[in-house]
Amino acid sequence: MKISENEPVRFNELYRNIPSVSEKVLSQVLSQLTIDGIIQRKLFPDIPPHTEYSVTDLGKTLLPHVISLANWGREHFDTIISNRQK
């Protein structure tokens, strides 16, 4: 959802805003989402080079579902944590 909030967004900005993910995992996920057509990757050959990511039209159709899932998780977070501690 970070990409949808601030299109386009650079890799380092995503990395800074998702503290629980490693650079390797973030890179792998972004690569797979790009292959799947959910996000678009644009490489700028500046010095130093940088990459920006944005949500594709296909990805935008997925966003309402992701938002609903995230809301469900927040709503039931305490119950899930309680169940894990049993």
C-alpha atoms as a PDB file:
ATOM      1  CA  MET A   1       0.000   0.000   0.000  1.00  0.00           C
ATOM      2  CA  LYS A   2       2.972   2.307   0.432  1.00  0.00           C
ATOM      3  CA  ILE A   3       3.460   2.385  -3.317  1.00  0.00           C
ATOM      4  CA  SER A   4      -0.144   3.386  -3.912  1.00  0.00           C
ATOM      5  CA  GLU A   5       0.071   6.203  -1.383  1.00  0.00           C
ATOM      6  CA  ASN A   6       3.083   7.921  -2.932  1.00  0.00           C
ATOM      7  CA  GLU A   7       3.379   6.996  -6.586  1.00  0.00           C
ATOM      8  CA  PRO A   8       6.028   6.585  -7.793  1.00  0.00           C
ATOM      9  CA  VAL A   9       8.304   5.535  -4.966  1.00  0.00           C
ATOM     10  CA  ARG A  10      11.998   4.610  -4.808  1.00  0.00           C
ATOM     11  CA  PHE A  11      13.299   1.334  -3.415  1.00  0.00           C
ATOM     12  CA  ASN A  12      15.070   2.980  -0.463  1.00  0.00           C
ATOM     13  CA  GLU A  13      11.908   4.840   0.524  1.00  0.00           C
ATOM     14  CA  LEU A  14       9.979   1.567   0.559  1.00  0.00           C
ATOM     15  CA  TYR A  15      12.745  -0.100   2.538  1.00  0.00           C
ATOM     16  CA  ARG A  16      12.786   2.667   5.157  1.00  0.00           C
ATOM     17  CA  ASN A  17       9.000   2.522   5.552  1.00  0.00           C
ATOM     18  CA  ILE A  18       8.795  -1.252   6.033  1.00  0.00           C
ATOM     19  CA  PRO A  19      11.056  -1.875   9.039  1.00  0.00           C
ATOM     20  CA  SER A  20      10.330  -5.602   9.343  1.00  0.00           C
ATOM     21  CA  VAL A  21      11.629  -6.582   5.880  1.00  0.00           C
ATOM     22  CA  SER A  22      15.170  -7.202   4.680  1.00  0.00           C
ATOM     23  CA  GLU A  23      16.481  -5.628   1.478  1.00  0.00           C
ATOM     24  CA  LYS A  24      16.735  -9.080  -0.110  1.00  0.00           C
ATOM     25  CA  VAL A  25      13.130 -10.027   0.651  1.00  0.00           C
ATOM     26  CA  LEU A  26      11.816  -6.627  -0.469  1.00  0.00           C
ATOM     27  CA  SER A  27      13.755  -6.933  -3.716  1.00  0.00           C
ATOM     28  CA  GLN A  28      12.377 -10.442  -4.320  1.00  0.00           C
ATOM     29  CA  VAL A  29       8.785  -9.379  -3.635  1.00  0.00           C
ATOM     30  CA  LEU A  30       9.057  -6.302  -5.865  1.00  0.00           C
ATOM     31  CA  SER A  31      10.562  -8.433  -8.622  1.00  0.00           C
ATOM     32  CA  GLN A  32       7.715 -10.961  -8.433  1.00  0.00           C
ATOM     33  CA  LEU A  33       5.045  -8.238  -8.330  1.00  0.00           C
ATOM     34  CA  THR A  34       6.664  -6.685 -11.408  1.00  0.00           C
ATOM     35  CA  ILE A  35       6.646 -10.041 -13.247  1.00  0.00           C
ATOM     36  CA  ASP A  36       2.997 -10.523 -12.270  1.00  0.00           C
ATOM     37  CA  GLY A  37       2.111  -7.079 -13.647  1.00  0.00           C
ATOM     38  CA  ILE A  38       0.941  -5.699 -10.293  1.00  0.00           C
ATOM     39  CA  ILE A  39       3.601  -2.986 -10.139  1.00  0.00           C
ATOM     40  CA  GLN A  40       5.794  -1.275 -12.709  1.00  0.00           C
ATOM     41  CA  ARG A  41       9.538  -0.765 -12.305  1.00  0.00           C
ATOM     42  CA  LYS A  42      11.216   2.187 -13.991  1.00  0.00           C
ATOM     43  CA  LEU A  43      15.008   2.461 -14.034  1.00  0.00           C
ATOM     44  CA  PHE A  44      16.593   5.901 -14.363  1.00  0.00           C
ATOM     45  CA  PRO A  45      20.158   5.832 -15.726  1.00  0.00           C
ATOM     46  CA  ASP A  46      21.213   8.852 -13.674  1.00  0.00           C
ATOM     47  CA  ILE A  47      24.409   8.909 -11.667  1.00  0.00           C
ATOM     48  CA  PRO A  48      23.862   7.248  -9.327  1.00  0.00           C
ATOM     49  CA  PRO A  49      21.078   5.244 -11.007  1.00  0.00           C
ATOM     50  CA  HIS A  50      17.772   4.894  -9.221  1.00  0.00           C
ATOM     51  CA  THR A  51      14.614   2.853  -9.604  1.00  0.00           C
ATOM     52  CA  GLU A  52      11.008   3.882  -9.038  1.00  0.00           C
ATOM     53  CA  TYR A  53       8.000   1.648  -8.547  1.00  0.00           C
ATOM     54  CA  SER A  54       4.347   2.402  -9.201  1.00  0.00           C
ATOM     55  CA  VAL A  55       1.101   0.451  -9.234  1.00  0.00           C
ATOM     56  CA  THR A  56      -0.165  -0.691 -12.645  1.00  0.00           C
ATOM     57  CA  ASP A  57      -3.807  -0.572 -13.703  1.00  0.00           C
ATOM     58  CA  LEU A  58      -4.035  -4.285 -12.862  1.00  0.00           C
ATOM     59  CA  GLY A  59      -2.520  -3.608  -9.437  1.00  0.00           C
ATOM     60  CA  LYS A  60      -5.058  -0.876  -8.781  1.00  0.00           C
ATOM     61  CA  THR A  61      -7.847  -3.456  -9.133  1.00  0.00           C
ATOM     62  CA  LEU A  62      -6.182  -5.456  -6.341  1.00  0.00           C
ATOM     63  CA  LEU A  63      -5.796  -2.547  -3.887  1.00  0.00           C
ATOM     64  CA  PRO A  64      -9.363  -2.601  -2.453  1.00  0.00           C
ATOM     65  CA  HIS A  65      -8.926  -6.286  -1.587  1.00  0.00           C
ATOM     66  CA  VAL A  66      -5.537  -5.727   0.038  1.00  0.00           C
ATOM     67  CA  ILE A  67      -6.940  -2.821   2.040  1.00  0.00           C
ATOM     68  CA  SER A  68      -9.877  -4.982   3.198  1.00  0.00           C
ATOM     69  CA  LEU A  69      -7.508  -7.750   4.261  1.00  0.00           C
ATOM     70  CA  ALA A  70      -5.287  -5.294   6.156  1.00  0.00           C
ATOM     71  CA  ASN A  71      -8.362  -3.841   7.910  1.00  0.00           C
ATOM     72  CA  TRP A  72      -9.496  -7.333   8.873  1.00  0.00           C
ATOM     73  CA  GLY A  73      -6.055  -8.032  10.318  1.00  0.00           C
ATOM     74  CA  ARG A  74      -6.102  -4.857  12.392  1.00  0.00           C
ATOM     75  CA  GLU A  75      -9.625  -5.595  13.616  1.00  0.00           C
ATOM     76  CA  HIS A  76      -8.717  -9.120  14.753  1.00  0.00           C
ATOM     77  CA  PHE A  77      -5.096  -8.530  15.779  1.00  0.00           C
ATOM     78  CA  ASP A  78      -5.651  -8.953  19.528  1.00  0.00           C
ATOM     79  CA  THR A  79      -7.541 -12.220  19.043  1.00  0.00           C
ATOM     80  CA  ILE A  80      -4.865 -13.600  16.725  1.00  0.00           C
ATOM     81  CA  ILE A  81      -2.069 -12.711  19.171  1.00  0.00           C
ATOM     82  CA  SER A  82      -4.048 -14.226  22.045  1.00  0.00           C
ATOM     83  CA  ASN A  83      -4.538 -17.447  20.062  1.00  0.00           C
ATOM     84  CA  ARG A  84      -0.815 -17.637  19.314  1.00  0.00           C
ATOM     85  CA  GLN A  85       0.020 -17.436  23.014  1.00  0.00           C
ATOM     86  CA  LYS A  86      -2.205 -20.391  23.957  1.00  0.00           C
END
